Amino acid sequence: MISDQSSFAFPEDSARFLADLKANNDKVWFAENKKRYQDIIQAPAKEFVSHVEELLRERSGLVHQSRIFRIYRDLRFSKDKTPYNTHLHISFSPLERCQEGPVWFFGLEVNHLVMGCGQFAFAKDVLTAYRNAVLDGRGEQLQSIIEELKAVGGCIHEPDLKRIPRGFDAEHQRASLLLHKGLSGWIDMDVNDASLPGLVSRLGKKMNDLQPLYNWLGNLTDDQLV
C-alpha cells in the first residue's frame, strides 16, 4: 500500500542495513540479504521518489524525473573493488531541462541524511559563463548565497582545482570560487529522521534553504539556453 506524502518514512532498519553492508561488502553476504535490501531500501526508495516528484511539482509547477543510483559499484577504473555502494543516492531534475542545469539530490547514508542541489560538473560553455558570472555582480550574489547557506549549517563541495585558472586574477576577492568546475551545496540531517513520518515535508524545508543556490545555477544555465 502506498503511503501519502505526509506519512512516508523509510523503514527503521534502512540505515542499519547500510551499516551492515559496509561491514560485509561482498557478494555472498549481499546474496543472503538481498530480500532485506529489496524490502527496506529498494521498494521504499521507489515510493519516496514519487512523493518528492510530487513535492517538486507543487513547488515549481514543473514535472521532474528521478534517478535512483545503482547499489552496484562500477569497478572498472576503481582501486576499491568492493562491489556495492553503502548509501542510497537519488537525483531529481525538471524534464524540460534534460541534462542541463542544476539537480536536487538526496542521500541516505550510514550516519546521516543529505539534501542538496547543484551541478557536479559544468559543461564547457557553462563553465565559462560561471567564471564570468563570479567576476561580475552575480558573483557577489553567489557569495552571499553561500554565506547564508553555511549560516544554517549547509556546506559547499570542495574546489576541484588547486590553482586559479590561467587568465584570471588570482587576487580577485572571489578568486576562490574560480577553483570550482562544478558547484553544489547540501545540508546534513540526522539519519534517524529517515524513519520518522513527515520526512518529505522536512526535506522541503531544507530545500527552502538551498533554493537560492539552485535558482542562481538555474539562471546561469538559462543564459546558455537562450
C-alpha atoms as a PDB file:
ATOM      1  CA  MET A   1       0.000   0.000   0.000  1.00  0.00           C
ATOM      2  CA  ILE A   2       1.387   3.410  -0.997  1.00  0.00           C
ATOM      3  CA  SER A   3       1.530   5.941   1.848  1.00  0.00           C
ATOM      4  CA  ASP A   4       0.645   9.586   1.395  1.00  0.00           C
ATOM      5  CA  GLN A   5       3.364  12.224   1.289  1.00  0.00           C
ATOM      6  CA  SER A   6       2.861  13.350   4.908  1.00  0.00           C
ATOM      7  CA  SER A   7       3.175   9.879   6.426  1.00  0.00           C
ATOM      8  CA  PHE A   8       6.031   8.450   4.357  1.00  0.00           C
ATOM      9  CA  ALA A   9       9.153   7.256   6.173  1.00  0.00           C
ATOM     10  CA  PHE A  10      11.884   4.771   5.381  1.00  0.00           C
ATOM     11  CA  PRO A  11      11.774   1.580   7.480  1.00  0.00           C
ATOM     12  CA  GLU A  12      13.630   1.825  10.792  1.00  0.00           C
ATOM     13  CA  ASP A  13      16.178  -0.789   9.646  1.00  0.00           C
ATOM     14  CA  SER A  14      17.224   1.090   6.489  1.00  0.00           C
ATOM     15  CA  ALA A  15      20.288   2.785   7.950  1.00  0.00           C
ATOM     16  CA  ARG A  16      21.172  -0.412   9.832  1.00  0.00           C
ATOM     17  CA  PHE A  17      21.156  -2.337   6.544  1.00  0.00           C
ATOM     18  CA  LEU A  18      23.614   0.157   5.028  1.00  0.00           C
ATOM     19  CA  ALA A  19      25.863  -0.148   8.082  1.00  0.00           C
ATOM     20  CA  ASP A  20      25.735  -3.939   7.855  1.00  0.00           C
ATOM     21  CA  LEU A  21      26.527  -3.773   4.141  1.00  0.00           C
ATOM     22  CA  LYS A  22      29.505  -1.527   4.851  1.00  0.00           C
ATOM     23  CA  ALA A  23      30.801  -4.120   7.310  1.00  0.00           C
ATOM     24  CA  ASN A  24      30.091  -7.049   4.943  1.00  0.00           C
ATOM     25  CA  ASN A  25      30.625  -5.656   1.460  1.00  0.00           C
ATOM     26  CA  ASP A  26      30.832  -8.876  -0.522  1.00  0.00           C
ATOM     27  CA  LYS A  27      28.650 -10.825  -2.923  1.00  0.00           C
ATOM     28  CA  VAL A  28      27.944 -13.737  -0.604  1.00  0.00           C
ATOM     29  CA  TRP A  29      26.592 -11.541   2.178  1.00  0.00           C
ATOM     30  CA  PHE A  30      24.545  -9.440  -0.236  1.00  0.00           C
ATOM     31  CA  ALA A  31      23.005 -12.508  -1.857  1.00  0.00           C
ATOM     32  CA  GLU A  32      21.930 -13.748   1.566  1.00  0.00           C
ATOM     33  CA  ASN A  33      20.450 -10.311   2.394  1.00  0.00           C
ATOM     34  CA  LYS A  34      19.080  -9.289  -0.994  1.00  0.00           C
ATOM     35  CA  LYS A  35      15.440  -9.680   0.102  1.00  0.00           C
ATOM     36  CA  ARG A  36      16.173  -7.406   3.030  1.00  0.00           C
ATOM     37  CA  TYR A  37      17.661  -4.838   0.613  1.00  0.00           C
ATOM     38  CA  GLN A  38      14.632  -5.043  -1.656  1.00  0.00           C
ATOM     39  CA  ASP A  39      12.180  -4.608   1.223  1.00  0.00           C
ATOM     40  CA  ILE A  40      13.786  -1.790   3.231  1.00  0.00           C
ATOM     41  CA  ILE A  41      15.857   0.117   0.660  1.00  0.00           C
ATOM     42  CA  GLN A  42      14.784  -0.526  -2.926  1.00  0.00           C
ATOM     43  CA  ALA A  43      10.981  -0.580  -2.590  1.00  0.00           C
ATOM     44  CA  PRO A  44      10.792   2.397  -0.174  1.00  0.00           C
ATOM     45  CA  ALA A  45      13.120   4.372  -2.469  1.00  0.00           C
ATOM     46  CA  LYS A  46      10.686   3.966  -5.363  1.00  0.00           C
ATOM     47  CA  GLU A  47       7.831   5.178  -3.187  1.00  0.00           C
ATOM     48  CA  PHE A  48       9.979   8.033  -1.865  1.00  0.00           C
ATOM     49  CA  VAL A  49      10.746   9.390  -5.345  1.00  0.00           C
ATOM     50  CA  SER A  50       7.047   9.526  -6.216  1.00  0.00           C
ATOM     51  CA  HIS A  51       6.442  11.733  -3.169  1.00  0.00           C
ATOM     52  CA  VAL A  52       9.424  14.001  -3.843  1.00  0.00           C
ATOM     53  CA  GLU A  53       8.460  14.349  -7.515  1.00  0.00           C
ATOM     54  CA  GLU A  54       5.011  15.448  -6.310  1.00  0.00           C
ATOM     55  CA  LEU A  55       6.581  17.912  -3.863  1.00  0.00           C
ATOM     56  CA  LEU A  56       8.798  19.401  -6.573  1.00  0.00           C
ATOM     57  CA  ARG A  57       5.855  19.716  -8.936  1.00  0.00           C
ATOM     58  CA  GLU A  58       3.931  21.565  -6.217  1.00  0.00           C
ATOM     59  CA  ARG A  59       6.898  23.868  -5.575  1.00  0.00           C
ATOM     60  CA  SER A  60       7.874  24.646  -9.158  1.00  0.00           C
ATOM     61  CA  GLY A  61       4.953  23.714 -11.392  1.00  0.00           C
ATOM     62  CA  LEU A  62       7.363  21.503 -13.358  1.00  0.00           C
ATOM     63  CA  VAL A  63       7.358  17.742 -13.878  1.00  0.00           C
ATOM     64  CA  HIS A  64      10.565  16.181 -12.532  1.00  0.00           C
ATOM     65  CA  GLN A  65      12.304  12.943 -13.350  1.00  0.00           C
ATOM     66  CA  SER A  66      14.238  10.976 -10.761  1.00  0.00           C
ATOM     67  CA  ARG A  67      17.252   8.719 -10.908  1.00  0.00           C
ATOM     68  CA  ILE A  68      17.894   6.120  -8.215  1.00  0.00           C
ATOM     69  CA  PHE A  69      21.588   5.310  -8.407  1.00  0.00           C
ATOM     70  CA  ARG A  70      22.504   1.639  -8.554  1.00  0.00           C
ATOM     71  CA  ILE A  71      23.605  -0.288  -5.493  1.00  0.00           C
ATOM     72  CA  TYR A  72      26.228  -1.982  -7.700  1.00  0.00           C
ATOM     73  CA  ARG A  73      29.519  -0.078  -7.963  1.00  0.00           C
ATOM     74  CA  ASP A  74      31.330   0.464 -11.271  1.00  0.00           C
ATOM     75  CA  LEU A  75      34.673  -1.226 -10.594  1.00  0.00           C
ATOM     76  CA  ARG A  76      36.301  -0.702 -13.997  1.00  0.00           C
ATOM     77  CA  PHE A  77      38.502   2.232 -13.012  1.00  0.00           C
ATOM     78  CA  SER A  78      38.451   1.937  -9.230  1.00  0.00           C
ATOM     79  CA  LYS A  79      41.148   0.673  -6.910  1.00  0.00           C
ATOM     80  CA  ASP A  80      38.393  -0.091  -4.398  1.00  0.00           C
ATOM     81  CA  LYS A  81      36.929  -3.417  -5.545  1.00  0.00           C
ATOM     82  CA  THR A  82      34.109  -3.675  -3.006  1.00  0.00           C
ATOM     83  CA  PRO A  83      31.057  -4.463  -5.153  1.00  0.00           C
ATOM     84  CA  TYR A  84      28.303  -2.388  -3.520  1.00  0.00           C
ATOM     85  CA  ASN A  85      27.593   1.224  -2.662  1.00  0.00           C
ATOM     86  CA  THR A  86      26.846   1.619   1.031  1.00  0.00           C
ATOM     87  CA  HIS A  87      24.422   4.508   0.507  1.00  0.00           C
ATOM     88  CA  LEU A  88      21.222   5.327  -1.334  1.00  0.00           C
ATOM     89  CA  HIS A  89      21.604   8.301  -3.686  1.00  0.00           C
ATOM     90  CA  ILE A  90      18.778   9.823  -5.736  1.00  0.00           C
ATOM     91  CA  SER A  91      18.683  12.854  -8.048  1.00  0.00           C
ATOM     92  CA  PHE A  92      15.735  14.900  -9.323  1.00  0.00           C
ATOM     93  CA  SER A  93      15.686  17.235 -12.329  1.00  0.00           C
ATOM     94  CA  PRO A  94      12.993  19.022 -14.378  1.00  0.00           C
ATOM     95  CA  LEU A  95      12.113  17.169 -17.561  1.00  0.00           C
ATOM     96  CA  GLU A  96      12.271  20.363 -19.605  1.00  0.00           C
ATOM     97  CA  ARG A  97      15.945  20.890 -18.772  1.00  0.00           C
ATOM     98  CA  CYS A  98      17.042  17.452 -19.979  1.00  0.00           C
ATOM     99  CA  GLN A  99      20.706  17.186 -18.913  1.00  0.00           C
ATOM    100  CA  GLU A 100      21.253  20.930 -18.464  1.00  0.00           C
ATOM    101  CA  GLY A 101      21.090  22.869 -15.227  1.00  0.00           C
ATOM    102  CA  PRO A 102      21.136  22.022 -11.535  1.00  0.00           C
ATOM    103  CA  VAL A 103      19.566  18.973  -9.924  1.00  0.00           C
ATOM    104  CA  TRP A 104      18.256  18.202  -6.479  1.00  0.00           C
ATOM    105  CA  PHE A 105      19.887  15.253  -4.751  1.00  0.00           C
ATOM    106  CA  PHE A 106      19.141  13.130  -1.710  1.00  0.00           C
ATOM    107  CA  GLY A 107      21.359  10.703   0.136  1.00  0.00           C
ATOM    108  CA  LEU A 108      20.584   8.129   2.815  1.00  0.00           C
ATOM    109  CA  GLU A 109      23.933   7.175   4.277  1.00  0.00           C
ATOM    110  CA  VAL A 110      25.146   5.151   7.236  1.00  0.00           C
ATOM    111  CA  ASN A 111      25.376   8.097   9.640  1.00  0.00           C
ATOM    112  CA  HIS A 112      23.303  10.895   8.128  1.00  0.00           C
ATOM    113  CA  LEU A 113      20.860  12.130   5.504  1.00  0.00           C
ATOM    114  CA  VAL A 114      21.857  14.593   2.804  1.00  0.00           C
ATOM    115  CA  MET A 115      19.613  17.070   0.999  1.00  0.00           C
ATOM    116  CA  GLY A 116      21.374  19.109  -1.654  1.00  0.00           C
ATOM    117  CA  CYS A 117      21.368  20.692  -5.073  1.00  0.00           C
ATOM    118  CA  GLY A 118      23.801  21.772  -7.743  1.00  0.00           C
ATOM    119  CA  GLN A 119      25.835  20.747 -10.762  1.00  0.00           C
ATOM    120  CA  PHE A 120      28.757  18.422 -10.121  1.00  0.00           C
ATOM    121  CA  ALA A 121      30.464  19.276 -13.426  1.00  0.00           C
ATOM    122  CA  PHE A 122      29.724  22.240 -15.692  1.00  0.00           C
ATOM    123  CA  ALA A 123      29.653  21.769 -19.445  1.00  0.00           C
ATOM    124  CA  LYS A 124      32.423  23.744 -21.135  1.00  0.00           C
ATOM    125  CA  ASP A 125      30.234  26.698 -22.145  1.00  0.00           C
ATOM    126  CA  VAL A 126      28.517  26.791 -18.762  1.00  0.00           C
ATOM    127  CA  LEU A 127      31.891  26.736 -17.000  1.00  0.00           C
ATOM    128  CA  THR A 128      32.918  29.802 -18.994  1.00  0.00           C
ATOM    129  CA  ALA A 129      29.638  31.529 -18.094  1.00  0.00           C
ATOM    130  CA  TYR A 130      30.089  30.570 -14.430  1.00  0.00           C
ATOM    131  CA  ARG A 131      33.564  32.083 -14.281  1.00  0.00           C
ATOM    132  CA  ASN A 132      32.381  35.284 -15.915  1.00  0.00           C
ATOM    133  CA  ALA A 133      29.447  35.477 -13.500  1.00  0.00           C
ATOM    134  CA  VAL A 134      31.743  35.036 -10.496  1.00  0.00           C
ATOM    135  CA  LEU A 135      33.627  38.155 -11.556  1.00  0.00           C
ATOM    136  CA  ASP A 136      30.598  40.428 -12.029  1.00  0.00           C
ATOM    137  CA  GLY A 137      27.649  41.391  -9.848  1.00  0.00           C
ATOM    138  CA  ARG A 138      26.217  37.894  -9.952  1.00  0.00           C
ATOM    139  CA  GLY A 139      29.342  36.721  -8.145  1.00  0.00           C
ATOM    140  CA  GLU A 140      28.513  38.987  -5.216  1.00  0.00           C
ATOM    141  CA  GLN A 141      25.073  37.412  -5.073  1.00  0.00           C
ATOM    142  CA  LEU A 142      26.550  33.905  -5.167  1.00  0.00           C
ATOM    143  CA  GLN A 143      28.946  34.720  -2.347  1.00  0.00           C
ATOM    144  CA  SER A 144      26.036  35.934  -0.211  1.00  0.00           C
ATOM    145  CA  ILE A 145      24.029  32.795  -1.034  1.00  0.00           C
ATOM    146  CA  ILE A 146      26.914  30.572   0.051  1.00  0.00           C
ATOM    147  CA  GLU A 147      27.411  32.507   3.291  1.00  0.00           C
ATOM    148  CA  GLU A 148      23.693  32.267   4.116  1.00  0.00           C
ATOM    149  CA  LEU A 149      23.691  28.540   3.379  1.00  0.00           C
ATOM    150  CA  LYS A 150      26.665  27.994   5.682  1.00  0.00           C
ATOM    151  CA  ALA A 151      24.914  30.047   8.379  1.00  0.00           C
ATOM    152  CA  VAL A 152      22.124  27.439   8.542  1.00  0.00           C
ATOM    153  CA  GLY A 153      24.560  24.512   8.649  1.00  0.00           C
ATOM    154  CA  GLY A 154      24.963  23.929   4.927  1.00  0.00           C
ATOM    155  CA  CYS A 155      28.153  23.034   3.077  1.00  0.00           C
ATOM    156  CA  ILE A 156      29.673  23.581  -0.362  1.00  0.00           C
ATOM    157  CA  HIS A 157      31.693  20.903  -2.110  1.00  0.00           C
ATOM    158  CA  GLU A 158      35.438  21.318  -2.036  1.00  0.00           C
ATOM    159  CA  PRO A 159      37.058  23.061  -5.051  1.00  0.00           C
ATOM    160  CA  ASP A 160      38.179  20.938  -7.989  1.00  0.00           C
ATOM    161  CA  LEU A 161      41.320  22.952  -8.741  1.00  0.00           C
ATOM    162  CA  LYS A 162      44.322  23.894  -6.637  1.00  0.00           C
ATOM    163  CA  ARG A 163      45.283  26.920  -8.736  1.00  0.00           C
ATOM    164  CA  ILE A 164      43.296  29.780 -10.225  1.00  0.00           C
ATOM    165  CA  PRO A 165      42.674  29.089 -13.952  1.00  0.00           C
ATOM    166  CA  ARG A 166      45.051  30.769 -16.356  1.00  0.00           C
ATOM    167  CA  GLY A 167      43.870  34.186 -17.494  1.00  0.00           C
ATOM    168  CA  PHE A 168      42.055  35.041 -14.257  1.00  0.00           C
ATOM    169  CA  ASP A 169      43.202  37.361 -11.474  1.00  0.00           C
ATOM    170  CA  ALA A 170      44.374  35.270  -8.515  1.00  0.00           C
ATOM    171  CA  GLU A 171      43.990  38.359  -6.295  1.00  0.00           C
ATOM    172  CA  HIS A 172      40.316  38.869  -7.116  1.00  0.00           C
ATOM    173  CA  GLN A 173      38.143  38.960  -3.996  1.00  0.00           C
ATOM    174  CA  ARG A 174      36.145  35.947  -5.209  1.00  0.00           C
ATOM    175  CA  ALA A 175      39.041  34.082  -6.805  1.00  0.00           C
ATOM    176  CA  SER A 176      38.399  31.030  -4.605  1.00  0.00           C
ATOM    177  CA  LEU A 177      35.099  30.454  -6.432  1.00  0.00           C
ATOM    178  CA  LEU A 178      37.056  30.125  -9.675  1.00  0.00           C
ATOM    179  CA  LEU A 179      38.565  26.910  -8.334  1.00  0.00           C
ATOM    180  CA  HIS A 180      35.233  25.140  -8.882  1.00  0.00           C
ATOM    181  CA  LYS A 181      34.463  23.287 -12.119  1.00  0.00           C
ATOM    182  CA  GLY A 182      31.004  22.488 -10.783  1.00  0.00           C
ATOM    183  CA  LEU A 183      29.116  23.794  -7.768  1.00  0.00           C
ATOM    184  CA  SER A 184      26.814  22.059  -5.317  1.00  0.00           C
ATOM    185  CA  GLY A 185      25.686  22.549  -1.756  1.00  0.00           C
ATOM    186  CA  TRP A 186      23.970  20.371   0.784  1.00  0.00           C
ATOM    187  CA  ILE A 187      22.589  20.171   4.307  1.00  0.00           C
ATOM    188  CA  ASP A 188      23.159  17.167   6.566  1.00  0.00           C
ATOM    189  CA  MET A 189      20.332  15.777   8.676  1.00  0.00           C
ATOM    190  CA  ASP A 190      20.159  13.189  11.451  1.00  0.00           C
ATOM    191  CA  VAL A 191      19.942   9.702   9.954  1.00  0.00           C
ATOM    192  CA  ASN A 192      17.108   8.875  12.386  1.00  0.00           C
ATOM    193  CA  ASP A 193      14.990  11.446  10.531  1.00  0.00           C
ATOM    194  CA  ALA A 194      14.681   8.961   7.677  1.00  0.00           C
ATOM    195  CA  SER A 195      12.397   6.681   9.669  1.00  0.00           C
ATOM    196  CA  LEU A 196      10.110   9.383  11.093  1.00  0.00           C
ATOM    197  CA  PRO A 197       6.809  10.266   9.342  1.00  0.00           C
ATOM    198  CA  GLY A 198       6.883  13.613   7.590  1.00  0.00           C
ATOM    199  CA  LEU A 199      10.320  13.108   6.047  1.00  0.00           C
ATOM    200  CA  VAL A 200       9.296  14.636   2.707  1.00  0.00           C
ATOM    201  CA  SER A 201       7.948  17.760   4.414  1.00  0.00           C
ATOM    202  CA  ARG A 202      11.172  18.178   6.404  1.00  0.00           C
ATOM    203  CA  LEU A 203      13.200  17.819   3.235  1.00  0.00           C
ATOM    204  CA  GLY A 204      11.031  20.521   1.679  1.00  0.00           C
ATOM    205  CA  LYS A 205      12.081  22.898   4.450  1.00  0.00           C
ATOM    206  CA  LYS A 206      15.741  22.147   3.745  1.00  0.00           C
ATOM    207  CA  MET A 207      15.044  22.860   0.083  1.00  0.00           C
ATOM    208  CA  ASN A 208      13.968  26.362   1.107  1.00  0.00           C
ATOM    209  CA  ASP A 209      17.499  26.990   2.392  1.00  0.00           C
ATOM    210  CA  LEU A 210      19.012  25.531  -0.797  1.00  0.00           C
ATOM    211  CA  GLN A 211      16.623  27.200  -3.242  1.00  0.00           C
ATOM    212  CA  PRO A 212      18.697  30.401  -3.735  1.00  0.00           C
ATOM    213  CA  LEU A 213      21.699  28.328  -4.854  1.00  0.00           C
ATOM    214  CA  TYR A 214      19.506  26.217  -7.123  1.00  0.00           C
ATOM    215  CA  ASN A 215      17.974  29.353  -8.660  1.00  0.00           C
ATOM    216  CA  TRP A 216      21.354  31.023  -9.194  1.00  0.00           C
ATOM    217  CA  LEU A 217      22.691  27.993 -11.040  1.00  0.00           C
ATOM    218  CA  GLY A 218      19.446  27.636 -12.989  1.00  0.00           C
ATOM    219  CA  ASN A 219      19.637  31.231 -14.192  1.00  0.00           C
ATOM    220  CA  LEU A 220      23.220  30.642 -15.264  1.00  0.00           C
ATOM    221  CA  THR A 221      22.151  27.686 -17.403  1.00  0.00           C
ATOM    222  CA  ASP A 222      19.119  29.554 -18.764  1.00  0.00           C
ATOM    223  CA  ASP A 223      21.514  32.176 -20.133  1.00  0.00           C
ATOM    224  CA  GLN A 224      23.218  29.404 -22.121  1.00  0.00           C
ATOM    225  CA  LEU A 225      19.939  28.050 -23.497  1.00  0.00           C
ATOM    226  CA  VAL A 226      18.634  31.343 -24.911  1.00  0.00           C
END
